[in-house]
Protein backbone atom coordinates (compact mmCIF):
# COMPACT_ATOMS: atom_id res chain seq x y z
CA MET A 1 -1.66 -0.22 25.34
CA PRO A 2 -2.83 -3.06 23.07
CA ILE A 3 -6.23 -2.91 21.44
CA SER A 4 -8.52 -5.83 22.22
CA LYS A 5 -9.92 -8.09 19.54
CA ALA A 6 -13.44 -6.94 20.38
CA ARG A 7 -12.49 -3.28 19.91
CA LEU A 8 -10.78 -4.02 16.57
CA ARG A 9 -13.86 -5.86 15.38
CA GLN A 10 -16.07 -2.97 16.46
CA ILE A 11 -13.89 -0.49 14.54
CA HIS A 12 -13.94 -2.79 11.51
CA PHE A 13 -17.71 -3.22 11.75
CA THR A 14 -18.11 0.57 11.74
CA LEU A 15 -15.66 1.44 8.97
CA ALA A 16 -16.03 -1.53 6.61
CA PRO A 17 -19.36 -0.44 5.05
CA ILE A 18 -18.01 3.07 4.41
CA LEU A 19 -14.88 1.73 2.78
CA LEU A 20 -16.82 -0.86 0.80
CA PHE A 21 -19.16 1.84 -0.53
CA SER A 22 -16.25 3.98 -1.70
CA VAL A 23 -14.56 1.03 -3.39
CA LEU A 24 -17.79 -0.01 -5.15
CA LEU A 25 -18.48 3.58 -6.21
CA SER A 26 -14.97 3.88 -7.61
CA LEU A 27 -15.30 0.56 -9.43
CA LEU A 28 -18.67 1.39 -10.93
CA THR A 29 -17.90 4.96 -12.01
CA GLY A 30 -14.47 4.01 -13.38
CA SER A 31 -15.92 1.15 -15.40
CA LEU A 32 -18.80 3.20 -16.74
CA PHE A 33 -16.49 6.06 -17.71
CA GLN A 34 -14.24 3.58 -19.54
CA VAL A 35 -17.28 2.39 -21.51
CA ALA A 36 -18.00 6.03 -22.36
CA VAL A 37 -14.42 6.45 -23.58
CA LEU A 38 -14.67 3.32 -25.73
CA THR A 39 -17.88 4.63 -27.32
CA ASN A 40 -16.31 8.06 -27.96
CA ARG A 41 -18.76 9.80 -25.60
CA ALA A 42 -16.37 10.64 -22.77
CA ASN A 43 -17.19 14.36 -22.90
CA ASP A 44 -20.82 13.57 -22.12
CA PHE A 45 -19.86 11.60 -19.00
CA LEU A 46 -17.17 13.69 -17.34
CA TRP A 47 -19.37 13.80 -14.25
CA LEU A 48 -18.63 10.07 -13.80
CA LEU A 49 -14.94 10.86 -13.71
CA GLU A 50 -15.58 13.53 -11.09
CA LEU A 51 -17.43 11.04 -8.90
CA HIS A 52 -14.65 8.52 -9.48
CA LYS A 53 -12.09 11.01 -8.19
CA GLY A 54 -14.14 11.78 -5.08
CA LYS A 55 -15.75 15.08 -6.02
CA PHE A 56 -19.36 15.26 -4.86
CA GLY A 57 -20.45 18.79 -5.73
CA GLN A 58 -19.14 21.03 -2.97
CA ILE A 59 -17.60 18.07 -1.14
CA ASN A 60 -14.15 17.16 -2.42
CA LEU A 61 -12.72 13.92 -1.02
CA GLU A 62 -9.73 13.66 -3.34
CA MET A 63 -7.36 14.24 -0.43
CA ILE A 64 -8.93 11.47 1.65
CA TYR A 65 -8.89 8.65 -0.92
CA PRO A 66 -5.16 7.80 -0.69
CA PHE A 67 -5.43 7.56 3.11
CA GLN A 68 -8.57 5.47 2.84
CA ARG A 69 -6.78 2.99 0.60
CA PHE A 70 -3.79 2.91 2.96
CA TYR A 71 -6.14 2.28 5.88
CA SER A 72 -7.81 -0.56 3.97
CA VAL A 73 -4.50 -2.31 3.37
CA CYS A 74 -3.33 -1.84 6.96
CA ASN A 75 -6.69 -2.87 8.36
CA ARG A 76 -6.65 -6.08 6.33
CA GLY A 77 -3.23 -7.00 7.68
CA ILE A 78 -4.05 -6.24 11.31
CA LEU A 79 -7.38 -8.05 11.24
CA ALA A 80 -5.80 -11.05 9.55
CA LYS A 81 -3.29 -11.38 12.38
CA VAL A 82 -5.92 -10.87 15.09
CA CYS A 83 -8.79 -12.90 13.65
CA PHE A 84 -6.76 -15.70 12.09
CA PRO A 85 -3.72 -16.25 14.33
CA GLU A 86 -3.55 -19.92 13.31
CA PHE A 87 -2.35 -18.72 9.91
CA GLY A 88 -0.04 -16.15 11.44
CA GLY A 89 -1.95 -13.51 9.52
CA ASP A 90 -0.15 -14.59 6.36
CA PHE A 91 -2.52 -14.89 3.42
CA SER A 92 0.18 -14.82 0.78
CA LEU A 93 0.68 -17.62 -1.72
CA PRO A 94 2.08 -20.89 -0.39
CA ARG A 95 5.84 -21.26 -0.70
CA ALA A 96 5.59 -24.01 -3.34
CA ILE A 97 3.61 -21.73 -5.65
CA LYS A 98 5.92 -18.75 -5.05
CA GLU A 99 9.05 -20.75 -5.88
CA GLY A 100 7.22 -22.48 -8.77
């Protein structure tokens, strides 16, 4: 049974903010921890690395992160085909640039 465009958009509307938050959190904590490493203060900021890995106190999301990233990639491909059929869902580089 195919999923309608409206249902896919509703799923995307629900999950996109959650996924965006996790990506931004990972970006911010990873960058800040790298600054701590460069300033030789990494031991003082190990808690940033824990957040970066998905550990939030008693809540450990390390096992979910790989699936979340897989979902993000799949979701992008499916939505591209559904929302932009005129492009065939292909957002890769044009052939002239690839062959360059």
